[in-house]
Amino acid sequence: MLSELYLPMQIAAGKKIYFLSDFHLGSPDRLTSLQREKYLIRFLDSISDKASEIFIVGDLFDFWFEYKTVVPKGFVRILGKLASMTDQGISIQFFVGNHDMWMKNYFEKELSIPVYYEPKVFIRQGRKFLIGHGDGLGPGDGGYKFLKKIFRNKFSQTLFGILPPAIGVGIANYFSNKSRQTTHQSNEVFLGEDGEWLIHYCKIRLKEENFDYMIFGHRHLPIDFTFPNGTRYINLGDWISYFTYASFDGEKLTLQSFDPALDNKIVRN
């Protein structure tokens, strides 16, 4: 029997589904993050009358940890906007990324937004989507995969939760910044079909199951890559350098930038 996620859903006439990821709000400093948050709100305002569903595919925050009675300070604009959109009937799906993996139930309880921790399959308008953040998938990167298991472990999260928020958030922000600095340069260059590990992962999954679209974040570089069978791998880029998003109108999926001047930065084959 098909799970609920596999059940087909139709898009209302004149509406679209939107996909976006990697905002890293909170980084690198309060002022820069606030400017980026306001720009993101402008985008969400621009699609509020056209969106039937929005997929946020990870790393909305540069760091997020839910203590029992405390969540990170700030982000009131984006949290309020997401709440407003769900209140008006727009369905929002949220995937945790490697920077905000310590989600619990705050989004579900306060914003009515379901949270996913692994790639999931969705069927929309008869098209089959595989969607996930993308961290720890594909070959290699054994060090990160090991750390991911530790970070996702409930005992590790409990230990971290014992730390006072001021100390815990400070430590986490330090390591988050170090991680981003290490990967920033490689995120700017397309490594080719053989060098892109998410393309490798997609090839493995396509041997098991067919998809129309395989949509991921994490990579930060916007990529629109078509496999020989017609399946499209989409990497959503980011809202730091590219401000890219994908939209699906029931027939056609497009990847573009909210800043049209950056459309030529998208990698296409």
Protein backbone atom coordinates (compact mmCIF):
# COMPACT_ATOMS: atom_id res chain seq x y z
CA MET A 1 0.00 0.00 0.00
CA LEU A 2 1.32 3.39 -0.92
CA SER A 3 2.27 5.68 1.96
CA GLU A 4 0.55 9.04 2.30
CA LEU A 5 3.55 10.80 0.74
CA TYR A 6 3.16 8.74 -2.42
CA LEU A 7 -0.51 9.59 -2.86
CA PRO A 8 -1.00 11.89 -5.84
CA MET A 9 -1.96 15.51 -5.32
CA GLN A 10 -3.24 17.89 -7.93
CA ILE A 11 -2.26 21.53 -8.30
CA ALA A 12 -5.10 24.04 -8.44
CA ALA A 13 -5.49 25.92 -11.70
CA GLY A 14 -3.14 28.89 -11.94
CA LYS A 15 -1.06 27.74 -8.95
CA LYS A 16 2.54 26.47 -8.68
CA ILE A 17 4.77 24.48 -6.36
CA TYR A 18 7.99 26.21 -5.29
CA PHE A 19 11.29 24.71 -4.12
CA LEU A 20 14.12 26.61 -2.42
CA SER A 21 16.94 25.94 0.04
CA ASP A 22 20.12 27.07 1.77
CA PHE A 23 19.46 30.51 3.26
CA HIS A 24 21.77 30.09 6.27
CA LEU A 25 20.00 32.82 8.20
CA GLY A 26 22.14 34.01 11.08
CA SER A 27 25.34 33.97 9.03
CA PRO A 28 27.82 35.60 8.79
CA ASP A 29 26.54 38.42 11.03
CA ARG A 30 23.25 39.89 12.18
CA LEU A 31 23.05 42.77 9.66
CA THR A 32 23.92 40.66 6.59
CA SER A 33 21.53 37.94 7.69
CA LEU A 34 18.74 40.45 8.28
CA GLN A 35 19.15 41.88 4.78
CA ARG A 36 18.97 38.37 3.33
CA GLU A 37 15.93 37.54 5.46
CA LYS A 38 14.10 40.65 4.20
CA TYR A 39 14.98 39.73 0.60
CA LEU A 40 13.58 36.25 1.18
CA ILE A 41 10.38 37.78 2.56
CA ARG A 42 10.10 39.88 -0.62
CA PHE A 43 10.26 36.67 -2.65
CA LEU A 44 7.66 34.91 -0.51
CA ASP A 45 5.38 37.95 -0.78
CA SER A 46 5.76 37.82 -4.57
CA ILE A 47 4.55 34.20 -4.77
CA SER A 48 1.95 34.17 -1.99
CA ASP A 49 -0.97 34.44 -4.44
CA LYS A 50 0.49 31.82 -6.80
CA ALA A 51 1.83 29.13 -4.45
CA SER A 52 -0.13 26.00 -3.65
CA GLU A 53 2.83 24.37 -1.90
CA ILE A 54 6.38 25.31 -0.91
CA PHE A 55 9.26 22.93 -0.24
CA ILE A 56 12.06 24.36 1.92
CA VAL A 57 14.87 21.90 1.32
CA GLY A 58 17.20 22.49 4.27
CA ASP A 59 19.56 24.97 5.91
CA LEU A 60 16.99 27.67 6.44
CA PHE A 61 19.15 28.58 9.44
CA ASP A 62 22.90 28.49 9.82
CA PHE A 63 22.25 26.95 13.22
CA TRP A 64 19.09 25.79 14.98
CA PHE A 65 18.62 23.88 18.21
CA GLU A 66 15.37 23.47 20.11
CA TYR A 67 15.83 23.44 23.84
CA LYS A 68 12.81 22.39 25.91
CA THR A 69 11.60 25.97 26.34
CA VAL A 70 14.04 27.96 24.16
CA VAL A 71 14.65 28.38 20.43
CA PRO A 72 17.39 30.57 18.87
CA LYS A 73 16.87 34.31 19.08
CA GLY A 74 15.82 36.21 15.97
CA PHE A 75 14.27 35.13 12.66
CA VAL A 76 10.90 36.60 13.63
CA ARG A 77 10.22 37.86 10.11
CA ILE A 78 10.64 34.53 8.36
CA LEU A 79 8.89 32.56 11.10
CA GLY A 80 5.97 34.98 11.06
CA LYS A 81 5.78 34.85 7.26
CA LEU A 82 5.76 31.04 7.20
CA ALA A 83 3.02 31.00 9.84
CA SER A 84 0.98 33.48 7.81
CA MET A 85 1.34 31.39 4.65
CA THR A 86 0.22 28.17 6.32
CA ASP A 87 -2.68 30.07 7.89
CA GLN A 88 -3.82 31.11 4.42
CA GLY A 89 -3.79 27.49 3.27
CA ILE A 90 -0.41 27.19 1.55
CA SER A 91 1.15 23.80 2.31
CA ILE A 92 4.81 24.05 3.38
CA GLN A 93 7.15 21.05 3.62
CA PHE A 94 10.44 21.39 5.49
CA PHE A 95 13.57 19.24 5.17
CA VAL A 96 16.30 19.60 7.75
CA GLY A 97 19.80 20.36 6.48
CA ASN A 98 23.20 19.74 8.01
CA HIS A 99 23.11 23.19 9.67
CA ASP A 100 19.62 22.92 11.17
CA MET A 101 19.37 19.17 11.73
CA TRP A 102 18.45 19.59 15.41
CA MET A 103 14.83 20.30 14.67
CA LYS A 104 12.24 18.76 16.99
CA ASN A 105 8.56 19.75 16.92
CA TYR A 106 8.59 23.56 17.05
CA PHE A 107 7.75 23.94 13.33
CA GLU A 108 5.04 21.32 13.51
CA LYS A 109 3.37 22.75 16.63
CA GLU A 110 3.78 26.49 16.03
CA LEU A 111 3.75 26.74 12.23
CA SER A 112 1.85 23.61 11.10
CA ILE A 113 4.84 22.62 8.97
CA PRO A 114 5.88 18.93 8.79
CA VAL A 115 9.61 18.24 9.14
CA TYR A 116 11.51 15.51 7.25
CA TYR A 117 14.93 14.13 8.08
CA GLU A 118 15.63 11.99 5.01
CA PRO A 119 14.83 12.20 1.27
CA LYS A 120 11.17 11.55 0.53
CA VAL A 121 9.09 10.76 -2.53
CA PHE A 122 6.16 12.99 -3.49
CA ILE A 123 3.77 12.70 -6.43
CA ARG A 124 2.38 15.95 -7.72
CA GLN A 125 0.21 16.28 -10.83
CA GLY A 126 1.25 12.75 -11.84
CA ARG A 127 4.97 13.55 -11.67
CA LYS A 128 7.27 11.73 -9.28
CA PHE A 129 9.68 13.81 -7.17
CA LEU A 130 12.53 12.65 -4.93
CA ILE A 131 13.32 15.52 -2.56
CA GLY A 132 15.93 15.91 0.17
CA HIS A 133 18.62 18.23 1.45
CA GLY A 134 21.47 16.11 0.08
CA ASP A 135 24.05 16.02 2.87
CA GLY A 136 25.75 12.67 3.45
CA LEU A 137 24.43 11.12 0.24
CA GLY A 138 26.46 9.44 -2.48
CA PRO A 139 30.01 8.07 -2.30
CA GLY A 140 32.82 9.35 -0.08
CA ASP A 141 32.74 11.96 2.67
CA GLY A 142 33.03 9.27 5.34
CA GLY A 143 34.10 11.78 7.99
CA TYR A 144 30.94 13.82 7.69
CA LYS A 145 28.73 10.72 7.55
CA PHE A 146 30.26 9.56 10.83
CA LEU A 147 29.70 12.97 12.44
CA LYS A 148 26.13 13.06 11.14
CA LYS A 149 25.35 9.82 12.96
CA ILE A 150 26.73 11.32 16.17
CA PHE A 151 24.84 14.60 15.76
CA ARG A 152 21.57 12.83 14.96
CA ASN A 153 21.94 10.57 17.99
CA LYS A 154 19.35 11.45 20.66
CA PHE A 155 21.89 10.95 23.45
CA SER A 156 24.24 13.50 21.82
CA GLN A 157 21.39 15.96 21.49
CA THR A 158 20.46 15.46 25.14
CA LEU A 159 24.03 16.18 26.22
CA PHE A 160 24.15 19.33 24.09
CA GLY A 161 20.82 20.40 25.56
CA ILE A 162 22.35 20.41 29.03
CA LEU A 163 24.61 23.30 28.04
CA PRO A 164 23.21 26.79 28.72
CA PRO A 165 21.90 28.25 25.42
CA ALA A 166 24.47 31.09 25.42
CA ILE A 167 27.33 28.56 25.52
CA GLY A 168 25.78 25.92 23.27
CA VAL A 169 24.76 28.35 20.52
CA GLY A 170 28.19 30.02 20.64
CA ILE A 171 30.00 26.71 20.17
CA ALA A 172 27.65 25.62 17.39
CA ASN A 173 27.99 28.92 15.51
CA TYR A 174 31.78 28.64 15.62
CA PHE A 175 31.79 25.18 14.03
CA SER A 176 29.07 26.14 11.58
CA ASN A 177 31.17 29.04 10.30
CA LYS A 178 34.26 26.81 10.01
CA SER A 179 32.30 24.25 8.00
CA ARG A 180 31.00 26.86 5.57
CA GLN A 181 34.45 28.42 5.07
CA THR A 182 35.90 24.99 4.24
CA THR A 183 33.32 24.21 1.54
CA HIS A 184 32.74 27.69 0.07
CA GLN A 185 35.28 27.52 -2.74
CA SER A 186 34.24 24.07 -4.04
CA ASN A 187 30.61 25.21 -4.11
CA GLU A 188 31.40 27.72 -6.86
CA VAL A 189 32.60 25.23 -9.49
CA PHE A 190 30.67 22.51 -11.31
CA LEU A 191 32.74 19.33 -10.99
CA GLY A 192 31.29 17.54 -14.01
CA GLU A 193 29.07 14.48 -14.12
CA ASP A 194 31.78 12.23 -12.67
CA GLY A 195 32.77 14.67 -9.93
CA GLU A 196 29.34 15.64 -8.60
CA TRP A 197 28.53 13.20 -5.79
CA LEU A 198 24.82 14.00 -5.77
CA ILE A 199 24.67 13.04 -9.45
CA HIS A 200 26.31 9.75 -8.43
CA TYR A 201 23.63 9.29 -5.77
CA CYS A 202 20.86 10.01 -8.29
CA LYS A 203 22.28 7.38 -10.67
CA ILE A 204 22.18 4.80 -7.88
CA ARG A 205 18.58 5.64 -7.00
CA LEU A 206 17.54 5.56 -10.67
CA LYS A 207 18.67 1.92 -10.87
CA GLU A 208 16.08 1.13 -8.20
CA GLU A 209 13.22 3.46 -9.11
CA ASN A 210 12.26 5.97 -11.77
CA PHE A 211 11.67 9.64 -11.03
CA ASP A 212 10.72 12.66 -13.08
CA TYR A 213 12.62 15.07 -10.84
CA MET A 214 15.30 14.63 -8.17
CA ILE A 215 15.56 17.86 -6.20
CA PHE A 216 18.25 18.63 -3.62
CA GLY A 217 19.98 21.51 -1.87
CA HIS A 218 23.22 21.52 0.14
CA ARG A 219 25.50 21.94 -2.89
CA HIS A 220 24.79 25.72 -3.11
CA LEU A 221 25.56 25.74 -6.84
CA PRO A 222 22.34 25.87 -8.93
CA ILE A 223 22.41 22.90 -11.31
CA ASP A 224 19.87 21.63 -13.85
CA PHE A 225 21.16 18.28 -15.13
CA THR A 226 19.19 15.88 -17.35
CA PHE A 227 19.95 12.15 -17.37
CA PRO A 228 19.64 10.14 -20.62
CA ASN A 229 16.27 8.72 -19.50
CA GLY A 230 14.87 12.25 -19.14
CA THR A 231 15.02 12.48 -15.33
CA ARG A 232 16.18 15.90 -14.18
CA TYR A 233 18.47 16.44 -11.21
CA ILE A 234 17.94 19.92 -9.80
CA ASN A 235 20.20 21.48 -7.22
CA LEU A 236 18.47 24.54 -5.83
CA GLY A 237 21.57 26.67 -5.29
CA ASP A 238 21.34 29.10 -2.38
CA TRP A 239 20.11 32.47 -1.14
CA ILE A 240 23.59 33.77 -0.41
CA SER A 241 25.09 34.12 -3.89
CA TYR A 242 22.43 32.98 -6.38
CA PHE A 243 18.93 33.52 -4.89
CA THR A 244 17.64 30.61 -6.96
CA TYR A 245 14.45 28.61 -6.74
CA ALA A 246 12.53 26.05 -8.80
CA SER A 247 8.85 26.20 -9.67
CA PHE A 248 6.50 23.58 -11.09
CA ASP A 249 3.20 24.51 -12.73
CA GLY A 250 1.95 20.97 -13.25
CA GLU A 251 3.57 20.62 -16.65
CA LYS A 252 6.95 22.31 -16.59
CA LEU A 253 9.64 22.74 -13.94
CA THR A 254 11.98 25.73 -14.17
CA LEU A 255 15.07 26.74 -12.19
CA GLN A 256 15.72 30.47 -12.04
CA SER A 257 17.01 33.30 -9.87
CA PHE A 258 14.89 35.91 -8.11
CA ASP A 259 17.55 38.26 -9.50
CA PRO A 260 17.29 37.77 -13.31
CA ALA A 261 20.86 39.03 -13.74
CA LEU A 262 22.07 35.82 -12.06
CA ASP A 263 20.19 33.38 -14.30
CA ASN A 264 23.32 32.87 -16.40
CA LYS A 265 25.11 31.47 -13.33
CA ILE A 266 22.89 28.36 -13.34
CA VAL A 267 24.70 25.25 -14.59
CA ARG A 268 22.66 23.51 -17.31
CA ASN A 269 23.44 20.56 -19.58
